[in-house]
Amino acid sequence: MATVAEKVLRIVRQIDWWQRQPGKIGLYTELARDLGATGLELAELMFELEDEFLIEISEADRLGWVTVRDVVQYVAGRDDIVP
C-alpha cells in the first residue's frame, strides 16, 4: 500500500503543466518557484487531493503550501483521510 507521501508525489507528478519534468519533482520542490504553480494549478492539485483522499480542503489551508512536503504534511496530518 502506498504511503501518503507516495500518493501526493504521484498526484503532483501527474499534473502535466508544471515547469519541471515529473521525475525531478521531490518533497522539497517549491510549488510556485520551481513548478510555476498559479492559483489555477493549485486549485487543480487541491481537487485531485480531495478526490484521492476523500477530504475537503479549504482555500485558507491551501494557501499555506509552499513545497510538496507541505502538502504531504497537511494531508498526513488530517485525521479524516481515507488511505
Protein backbone atom coordinates (compact mmCIF):
# COMPACT_ATOMS: atom_id res chain seq x y z
CA MET A 1 0.00 0.00 0.00
CA ALA A 2 1.33 3.43 -0.94
CA THR A 3 2.13 5.97 1.75
CA VAL A 4 0.58 9.42 1.87
CA ALA A 5 3.87 10.88 0.58
CA GLU A 6 3.96 8.46 -2.36
CA LYS A 7 0.34 9.24 -3.26
CA VAL A 8 0.86 13.01 -3.03
CA LEU A 9 4.03 12.81 -5.14
CA ARG A 10 2.20 10.71 -7.74
CA ILE A 11 -0.61 13.26 -7.93
CA VAL A 12 1.77 16.22 -8.17
CA ARG A 13 3.85 14.48 -10.83
CA GLN A 14 0.83 13.62 -12.99
CA ILE A 15 -0.23 17.25 -13.40
CA ASP A 16 1.11 17.97 -16.85
CA TRP A 17 1.66 21.71 -16.95
CA TRP A 18 4.32 22.13 -14.33
CA GLN A 19 7.55 23.76 -15.49
CA ARG A 20 9.62 20.75 -14.47
CA GLN A 21 9.83 17.13 -15.56
CA PRO A 22 7.87 14.79 -13.26
CA GLY A 23 10.97 12.78 -12.31
CA LYS A 24 12.62 15.91 -10.94
CA ILE A 25 9.77 16.73 -8.55
CA GLY A 26 10.56 15.83 -4.95
CA LEU A 27 9.44 16.70 -1.45
CA TYR A 28 11.40 19.96 -1.34
CA THR A 29 10.22 21.18 -4.74
CA GLU A 30 8.55 24.57 -4.34
CA LEU A 31 5.15 24.74 -5.96
CA ALA A 32 5.32 28.35 -7.16
CA ARG A 33 9.03 28.93 -7.68
CA ASP A 34 10.10 25.56 -9.08
CA LEU A 35 6.88 24.42 -10.77
CA GLY A 36 5.43 27.79 -11.73
CA ALA A 37 2.15 26.98 -9.99
CA THR A 38 -0.53 29.63 -10.12
CA GLY A 39 -3.84 29.68 -8.30
CA LEU A 40 -5.46 27.62 -11.05
CA GLU A 41 -2.84 24.87 -10.88
CA LEU A 42 -3.01 24.77 -7.09
CA ALA A 43 -6.79 24.53 -7.27
CA GLU A 44 -6.45 21.53 -9.59
CA LEU A 45 -3.96 19.95 -7.20
CA MET A 46 -6.38 20.57 -4.35
CA PHE A 47 -9.25 18.89 -6.26
CA GLU A 48 -7.07 15.88 -7.12
CA LEU A 49 -6.08 15.50 -3.46
CA GLU A 50 -9.71 15.80 -2.36
CA ASP A 51 -10.68 13.03 -4.79
CA GLU A 52 -7.78 10.76 -3.80
CA PHE A 53 -8.15 11.06 -0.03
CA LEU A 54 -11.91 11.80 0.16
CA ILE A 55 -11.39 15.04 2.07
CA GLU A 56 -12.32 18.70 1.69
CA ILE A 57 -9.52 21.28 1.63
CA SER A 58 -10.18 24.94 2.36
CA GLU A 59 -8.63 27.77 0.40
CA ALA A 60 -7.03 29.01 3.61
CA ASP A 61 -5.29 25.66 4.13
CA ARG A 62 -4.13 25.54 0.51
CA LEU A 63 -2.53 28.97 0.81
CA GLY A 64 -0.06 27.58 3.36
CA TRP A 65 1.50 25.15 0.87
CA VAL A 66 4.95 26.21 -0.33
CA THR A 67 6.64 22.87 -1.03
CA VAL A 68 5.41 19.40 -1.94
CA ARG A 69 6.44 18.42 1.59
CA ASP A 70 3.97 20.98 2.98
CA VAL A 71 1.21 19.25 1.02
CA VAL A 72 2.28 15.83 2.31
CA GLN A 73 2.37 17.07 5.91
CA TYR A 74 -1.03 18.71 5.53
CA VAL A 75 -2.67 15.55 4.17
CA ALA A 76 -0.87 13.21 6.58
CA GLY A 77 -1.90 15.40 9.50
CA ARG A 78 -5.58 15.09 8.70
CA ASP A 79 -7.46 12.56 10.79
CA ASP A 80 -10.24 12.15 8.22
CA ILE A 81 -8.28 10.87 5.20
CA VAL A 82 -9.12 7.63 3.53
CA PRO A 83 -5.77 5.88 2.90
